[in-house]
Protein backbone atom coordinates (compact mmCIF):
# COMPACT_ATOMS: atom_id res chain seq x y z
CA MET A 1 25.30 13.18 76.47
CA GLN A 2 22.61 13.50 73.88
CA PRO A 3 22.75 11.15 70.93
CA VAL A 4 24.29 12.55 67.79
CA ASP A 5 21.56 12.92 65.16
CA HIS A 6 20.33 15.51 62.69
CA HIS A 7 20.27 18.12 65.47
CA ILE A 8 24.04 18.34 65.07
CA GLU A 9 23.85 21.20 62.63
CA ARG A 10 26.90 22.39 60.81
CA LEU A 11 28.27 25.89 61.39
CA LEU A 12 29.91 27.01 58.22
CA LEU A 13 27.50 24.93 56.14
CA PRO A 14 23.81 24.08 56.17
CA GLU A 15 21.82 21.76 58.49
CA ILE A 16 23.04 18.20 58.92
CA SER A 17 21.36 15.56 56.82
CA HIS A 18 20.90 11.83 57.06
CA ASN A 19 23.70 10.81 54.77
CA SER A 20 26.23 11.55 57.46
CA THR A 21 27.78 8.83 59.58
CA HIS A 22 26.12 10.22 62.67
CA GLY A 23 22.44 10.03 61.81
CA ARG A 24 19.89 7.85 60.12
CA GLN A 25 20.79 7.16 56.51
CA PRO A 26 18.48 8.50 53.75
CA THR A 27 17.25 5.12 52.65
CA GLU A 28 14.09 4.26 50.78
CA THR A 29 11.13 4.44 53.05
CA SER A 30 8.03 2.27 53.16
CA ARG A 31 4.48 3.39 53.51
CA SER A 32 2.69 3.48 56.85
CA PRO A 33 -1.03 3.73 57.55
CA GLY A 34 -2.45 7.16 56.89
CA ARG A 35 -4.03 9.31 59.50
CA PRO A 36 -6.85 11.71 58.88
CA ARG A 37 -5.87 15.33 58.59
CA PRO A 38 -6.76 17.22 61.81
CA ILE A 39 -10.02 19.14 61.48
CA GLY A 40 -10.25 22.60 62.96
CA SER A 41 -10.73 26.21 62.06
CA PRO A 42 -9.44 27.27 58.64
CA PRO A 43 -5.76 28.18 58.60
CA THR A 44 -5.01 31.86 58.61
CA ALA A 45 -1.97 33.72 57.47
CA PRO A 46 0.27 35.22 60.16
CA PRO A 47 0.12 38.95 60.66
CA ALA A 48 2.36 41.13 58.53
CA THR A 49 5.85 41.68 59.97
CA ALA A 50 8.88 43.81 59.18
CA THR A 51 10.51 40.84 57.55
CA ASP A 52 8.39 41.36 54.46
CA GLU A 53 9.40 44.96 53.85
CA ALA A 54 11.36 43.99 50.78
CA ARG A 55 8.42 42.05 49.26
CA ASP A 56 6.84 45.14 47.77
CA ASN A 57 9.82 45.62 45.50
CA ASP A 58 10.35 41.97 44.71
CA PRO A 59 10.29 41.29 40.93
CA MET A 60 9.10 37.75 41.68
CA ARG A 61 5.77 39.00 43.08
CA SER A 62 2.86 37.54 41.11
CA GLU A 63 0.15 40.19 41.40
CA ASP A 64 0.83 41.30 37.85
CA GLN A 65 0.96 39.23 34.67
CA SER A 66 4.71 39.79 34.20
CA SER A 67 5.64 37.48 37.05
CA PRO A 68 6.54 33.89 36.23
CA TYR A 69 5.02 32.77 39.54
CA VAL A 70 1.59 32.21 41.03
CA GLU A 71 1.53 33.29 44.64
CA LEU A 72 -0.81 31.82 47.25
CA ASP A 73 -1.01 32.86 50.85
CA ARG A 74 -0.92 30.27 53.56
CA SER A 75 -4.72 29.76 53.90
CA ALA A 76 -5.23 29.41 50.13
CA TRP A 77 -2.36 27.01 49.85
CA ALA A 78 -3.53 24.88 52.81
CA ALA A 79 -6.98 24.45 51.26
CA LEU A 80 -5.43 22.55 48.33
CA ALA A 81 -4.94 19.45 50.48
CA ASP A 82 -8.07 19.48 52.64
CA SER A 83 -9.02 15.95 51.59
CA VAL A 84 -5.49 14.45 51.87
CA PRO A 85 -4.86 12.33 55.02
CA LEU A 86 -1.78 13.21 57.09
CA PRO A 87 0.34 10.04 57.34
CA LEU A 88 2.70 11.30 60.06
CA SER A 89 2.18 11.41 63.79
CA ALA A 90 3.34 14.29 66.08
CA TRP A 91 6.23 12.15 67.20
CA GLU A 92 7.36 11.52 63.61
CA VAL A 93 7.22 15.24 62.86
CA GLU A 94 9.27 15.98 65.93
CA ARG A 95 11.87 13.39 64.84
CA LEU A 96 12.24 15.15 61.50
CA ARG A 97 12.41 18.67 62.87
CA GLY A 98 15.75 20.42 62.70
CA LEU A 99 17.26 22.31 65.60
CA GLY A 100 15.43 25.59 65.98
CA ASP A 101 12.65 24.84 63.46
CA GLU A 102 9.17 25.53 64.75
CA LEU A 103 7.56 22.60 62.96
CA ASP A 104 4.27 21.05 64.14
CA LEU A 105 1.31 19.15 62.70
CA ASP A 106 -0.47 22.33 61.60
CA GLU A 107 2.55 23.45 59.61
CA VAL A 108 2.88 20.02 58.00
CA CYS A 109 -0.87 19.98 57.11
CA ASP A 110 -1.03 23.57 55.86
CA VAL A 111 2.22 23.70 53.90
CA TYR A 112 3.99 20.41 53.25
CA LEU A 113 1.02 18.13 52.64
CA PRO A 114 -0.10 20.25 49.62
CA ILE A 115 3.47 20.19 48.32
CA SER A 116 3.54 16.41 48.51
CA ARG A 117 0.23 16.24 46.64
CA LEU A 118 1.53 18.58 43.97
CA LEU A 119 4.75 16.63 43.63
CA SER A 120 2.86 13.39 43.35
CA LEU A 121 0.89 14.89 40.42
CA TYR A 122 4.13 15.94 38.72
CA VAL A 123 5.62 12.41 39.17
CA ARG A 124 2.47 10.80 37.79
CA HIS A 125 2.38 13.00 34.69
CA VAL A 126 6.11 12.60 34.00
CA GLY A 127 5.43 8.88 34.07
CA ALA A 128 2.57 9.31 31.52
CA LEU A 129 4.87 11.39 29.34
CA HIS A 130 7.52 8.66 29.49
CA ARG A 131 4.97 6.02 28.33
CA ASP A 132 3.75 8.25 25.53
CA THR A 133 7.31 9.00 24.41
CA VAL A 134 8.17 5.29 24.33
CA SER A 135 5.05 4.64 22.24
CA PHE A 136 5.85 7.55 19.92
CA LEU A 137 9.36 6.25 19.31
CA HIS A 138 8.20 2.65 18.84
CA SER A 139 11.05 1.64 21.05
CA SER A 140 11.67 -0.58 24.02
CA GLN A 141 13.24 2.21 26.06
CA PRO A 142 14.37 1.13 29.55
CA GLN A 143 12.11 1.92 32.52
CA ARG A 144 11.81 5.54 33.43
CA THR A 145 14.49 7.24 35.46
CA PRO A 146 13.98 8.61 38.99
CA PHE A 147 12.14 11.88 39.44
CA VAL A 148 14.74 14.31 40.87
CA ILE A 149 13.85 17.19 43.20
CA GLY A 150 16.35 19.89 44.22
CA VAL A 151 16.00 21.66 47.59
CA ALA A 152 17.95 24.84 48.07
CA GLY A 153 18.28 27.70 50.57
CA SER A 154 20.54 29.32 53.11
CA VAL A 155 22.29 27.89 56.13
CA ALA A 156 19.83 27.71 59.05
CA VAL A 157 16.73 28.46 56.96
CA GLY A 158 15.33 24.93 57.41
CA LYS A 159 15.85 23.35 53.98
CA SER A 160 17.15 20.08 55.51
CA THR A 161 14.01 19.77 57.56
CA THR A 162 11.99 20.51 54.41
CA ALA A 163 13.84 17.77 52.48
CA ARG A 164 13.45 15.19 55.27
CA LEU A 165 9.78 15.93 55.62
CA LEU A 166 9.11 15.76 51.90
CA ARG A 167 10.94 12.44 51.75
CA GLU A 168 8.59 10.95 54.38
CA LEU A 169 5.44 12.43 52.93
CA LEU A 170 6.23 11.44 49.32
CA ALA A 171 7.01 7.81 50.35
CA HIS A 172 3.42 7.47 51.56
CA TRP A 173 1.97 7.98 48.09
CA PRO A 174 1.42 4.49 46.60
CA GLU A 175 2.70 5.48 43.15
CA HIS A 176 6.25 6.17 44.39
CA PRO A 177 7.03 4.43 47.72
CA HIS A 178 10.83 4.46 47.25
CA VAL A 179 12.20 7.91 48.03
CA SER A 180 15.86 8.73 48.69
CA LEU A 181 17.47 11.82 50.13
CA VAL A 182 21.05 12.90 49.35
CA THR A 183 22.73 16.12 50.43
CA THR A 184 25.60 17.76 48.60
CA ASP A 185 27.68 17.73 51.75
CA GLY A 186 29.47 14.58 50.73
CA PHE A 187 30.60 16.27 47.54
CA LEU A 188 32.62 18.83 49.44
CA TYR A 189 36.36 18.48 48.95
CA SER A 190 37.98 16.96 52.00
CA ASN A 191 39.46 19.35 54.53
CA ALA A 192 42.93 18.29 53.42
CA GLU A 193 42.12 19.13 49.81
CA LEU A 194 40.51 22.42 50.83
CA ARG A 195 43.66 23.35 52.75
CA ARG A 196 45.76 22.49 49.74
CA ARG A 197 43.61 24.70 47.55
CA GLY A 198 43.47 27.52 50.08
CA LEU A 199 39.68 27.13 50.36
CA LEU A 200 39.07 25.95 53.96
CA GLN A 201 37.67 29.34 54.92
CA ARG A 202 35.43 29.15 51.82
CA LYS A 203 33.79 25.89 52.81
CA GLY A 204 30.21 25.94 51.60
CA PHE A 205 30.94 28.33 48.69
CA PRO A 206 30.46 26.80 45.20
CA GLU A 207 34.22 26.38 44.60
CA SER A 208 34.55 24.20 47.70
CA TYR A 209 32.54 21.37 46.11
CA ASP A 210 33.73 18.69 43.68
CA ARG A 211 31.22 19.89 41.12
CA ARG A 212 32.32 17.44 38.49
CA ALA A 213 31.63 14.52 40.85
CA LEU A 214 28.29 15.94 41.82
CA LEU A 215 27.30 16.43 38.20
CA ARG A 216 28.43 12.86 37.39
CA PHE A 217 26.26 11.57 40.25
CA VAL A 218 23.15 13.32 39.01
CA ILE A 219 23.79 12.24 35.43
CA ASP A 220 24.10 8.63 36.61
CA ILE A 221 20.74 8.92 38.35
CA LYS A 222 18.98 10.36 35.30
CA SER A 223 20.69 7.79 33.06
CA GLY A 224 18.83 5.05 34.90
CA LYS A 225 21.80 3.19 36.44
CA ASP A 226 20.72 0.32 38.68
CA GLU A 227 22.95 1.49 41.52
CA VAL A 228 24.43 4.94 42.16
CA LEU A 229 26.89 5.76 44.98
CA ALA A 230 27.17 9.07 46.87
CA PRO A 231 30.01 10.10 49.23
CA VAL A 232 29.32 10.40 52.91
CA TYR A 233 29.96 13.39 55.17
CA SER A 234 30.37 13.49 58.98
CA HIS A 235 29.13 16.65 60.64
CA LEU A 236 30.68 15.55 63.90
CA GLU A 237 34.13 15.42 62.29
CA TYR A 238 33.32 18.24 59.85
CA ASP A 239 34.80 16.29 56.95
CA VAL A 240 34.10 13.75 54.19
CA VAL A 241 34.33 10.15 55.40
CA PRO A 242 36.89 8.18 53.36
CA ASP A 243 35.81 4.93 51.76
CA GLN A 244 32.13 5.19 52.76
CA ARG A 245 29.35 5.52 50.23
CA LEU A 246 25.58 5.83 50.25
CA ARG A 247 23.94 3.37 47.83
CA LEU A 248 20.83 4.26 45.91
CA HIS A 249 19.04 1.34 44.21
CA ARG A 250 16.63 2.60 41.56
CA PRO A 251 14.54 4.89 43.77
CA ASP A 252 11.28 6.36 42.43
CA ILE A 253 12.25 9.84 43.65
CA VAL A 254 15.57 11.42 44.69
CA LEU A 255 15.74 14.55 46.72
CA ILE A 256 19.04 16.46 46.40
CA GLU A 257 19.47 19.09 49.10
CA GLY A 258 22.18 21.68 49.31
CA LEU A 259 23.19 25.31 49.34
CA ASN A 260 24.21 25.50 45.72
CA VAL A 261 22.08 23.01 43.84
CA LEU A 262 20.42 25.73 41.72
CA GLN A 263 23.71 27.24 40.60
CA PRO A 264 23.98 27.89 36.79
CA ALA A 265 26.55 26.12 34.64
CA ARG A 266 30.10 27.47 34.66
CA VAL A 267 31.52 29.19 31.65
CA THR A 268 35.05 27.94 30.68
CA ALA A 269 37.95 30.25 29.79
CA LYS A 270 37.14 29.57 26.15
CA GLY A 271 33.55 30.71 26.59
CA HIS A 272 32.00 27.22 26.55
CA VAL A 273 28.97 26.63 28.81
CA GLY A 274 28.83 23.24 30.47
CA LEU A 275 26.01 21.43 32.26
CA ALA A 276 24.64 22.34 35.67
CA VAL A 277 23.19 20.02 38.33
CA ARG A 278 19.87 21.83 38.09
CA ASP A 279 19.63 20.92 34.38
CA PHE A 280 18.64 17.42 35.57
CA PHE A 281 16.03 18.43 38.13
CA ASP A 282 12.39 17.71 37.43
CA PHE A 283 11.31 20.06 40.20
CA SER A 284 13.03 22.36 42.67
CA VAL A 285 12.19 24.03 45.97
CA TYR A 286 13.85 27.13 47.44
CA VAL A 287 13.32 27.80 51.17
CA ASP A 288 13.37 31.60 51.65
CA ALA A 289 13.28 34.06 54.57
CA ALA A 290 14.41 37.59 55.34
CA THR A 291 18.18 37.69 55.87
CA PRO A 292 17.98 39.23 59.39
CA ASP A 293 15.75 36.34 60.46
CA ILE A 294 18.12 33.75 59.08
CA ARG A 295 21.07 35.37 60.80
CA ARG A 296 19.15 35.34 64.12
CA TRP A 297 18.15 31.67 63.62
CA TYR A 298 21.77 30.80 62.97
CA THR A 299 22.92 32.49 66.17
CA GLU A 300 20.17 30.82 68.23
CA ARG A 301 21.13 27.45 66.79
CA PHE A 302 24.79 28.09 67.66
CA LEU A 303 23.83 28.75 71.28
CA ARG A 304 21.79 25.54 71.46
CA LEU A 305 24.64 23.50 70.04
CA ARG A 306 27.03 25.02 72.56
CA GLU A 307 24.96 23.27 75.24
CA THR A 308 24.60 19.98 73.38
CA ALA A 309 26.54 18.62 70.42
CA PHE A 310 29.65 20.74 70.90
CA ARG A 311 30.24 18.97 74.19
CA ASP A 312 30.93 15.69 72.40
CA PRO A 313 34.68 15.07 72.77
CA ALA A 314 34.76 13.92 69.11
CA SER A 315 33.17 17.13 67.86
CA TYR A 316 35.20 19.30 65.52
CA PHE A 317 33.56 22.27 67.27
CA GLN A 318 34.25 21.23 70.88
CA ARG A 319 36.29 24.41 71.39
CA TYR A 320 33.03 26.36 71.29
CA ALA A 321 31.43 24.41 74.16
CA HIS A 322 33.11 26.46 76.86
CA LEU A 323 32.31 29.92 75.47
CA SER A 324 30.18 32.16 77.60
CA GLU A 325 26.84 33.16 76.04
CA PRO A 326 28.09 36.66 74.99
CA GLU A 327 31.23 35.09 73.52
CA ALA A 328 29.18 32.51 71.64
CA VAL A 329 26.87 35.19 70.23
CA ARG A 330 29.87 37.21 69.01
CA GLU A 331 31.49 34.09 67.47
CA ALA A 332 28.28 33.04 65.67
CA GLU A 333 27.76 36.54 64.31
CA ARG A 334 31.39 36.64 63.17
CA ILE A 335 31.03 33.36 61.31
CA TRP A 336 27.76 34.55 59.72
CA ASP A 337 29.26 37.91 58.61
CA LEU A 338 32.48 36.30 57.31
CA ILE A 339 31.05 33.19 55.60
CA ASN A 340 27.35 32.49 55.62
CA GLY A 341 26.05 35.99 54.92
CA PRO A 342 28.34 36.66 51.93
CA ASN A 343 27.62 33.15 50.57
CA LEU A 344 23.85 33.75 50.84
CA ASP A 345 24.03 37.16 49.19
CA GLY A 346 26.50 36.29 46.49
CA ASN A 347 25.63 32.75 45.57
CA ILE A 348 22.51 31.30 47.10
CA LYS A 349 19.86 34.01 47.01
CA PRO A 350 20.53 34.81 43.32
CA THR A 351 19.40 31.25 42.46
CA ARG A 352 16.00 31.71 44.07
CA SER A 353 14.24 32.71 40.86
CA ARG A 354 15.33 29.43 39.24
CA ALA A 355 13.23 27.36 41.67
CA THR A 356 9.89 25.78 40.67
CA LEU A 357 8.47 26.47 44.16
CA VAL A 358 9.51 29.10 46.69
CA LEU A 359 8.50 28.78 50.37
CA ARG A 360 8.71 32.15 52.13
CA LYS A 361 9.10 31.84 55.93
CA ASP A 362 8.13 34.40 58.51
CA ALA A 363 10.19 35.42 61.52
CA ASP A 364 8.77 32.53 63.61
CA HIS A 365 9.83 29.90 61.00
CA SER A 366 6.24 29.38 59.77
CA VAL A 367 5.65 29.56 56.02
CA ARG A 368 3.77 32.73 55.12
CA TYR A 369 3.17 32.24 51.41
CA VAL A 370 4.08 29.97 48.54
CA ARG A 371 5.14 30.84 44.97
CA LEU A 372 4.70 28.26 42.22
CA ARG A 373 6.19 28.75 38.78
CA LYS A 374 3.61 29.05 36.02
CA LEU A 375 3.50 26.29 33.39
């Protein structure tokens, strides 16, 4: 049986992350020797496909001055990190790749290396702003708080792979070697509590999370606490693990990955607007793709898991291991149409315009273009 790792992807929820009990924990990473970026022909954008039909009517398009985004195609974006060495080997990239993601060294060099360079600039300038603010206030303010990055997107779109990859790349910049990754999975209500609330079939929707606990966690990070604890989720058992916590000790950067991390604040019955998790982000990334492509990726991933992780006797989804391929396709499509599709359309996709950076994927999982919010 294959080892249980981040390839055990969840079904009603997004890809598994490393703060589960069945995978490597998202601890602070140390730097490793850099490797020169592969030299070859200039990167080219993939040919146009039907998945970009809706792009022409997208209000986020940046060809006109009314858009809040600058849009760069793949080749223009890749050129921004020509002089940056790639610190990861092909084996390391493969280890970080999620099930079904077509991730290779070219994709890392062309897309994610420039993002890590941009984020490093943001971190450095936030540090300079902190120093200037302390000087302006003539105070002995405590050391700066962690730089927090939100990573959002649909189930099966590859945001967990994006978060893992950014964690590794950011940790190789000498200014911020301590990078932690936390997913919002641990902040789901337990299955028992979801049953009590009648929400088990809504798992992954905003109301299935303990939003107050998640908000408190992010506030503690941005308050500069020496140690912050996050709950742990098991994707094998499909539930929160009681009495287990992930410990964060003053990291330089914290990546928070999840379906709903860009949700706006809730409005109370009295009309009061509270705080939202995204209010405490210094930067945010939304991983985007055409809905038919994401639906197909989800179905393909379900079929792969039927042959691997579902066969584990401890798996919550073992009942799917013995389905025939046509049965498995029908079940995956049923789950998508009942849960993941409505959640994407009603809750996740509407938050895309709140992201600092949008990565638009093509039908083959490669990033086609990047949108960066104007300053």
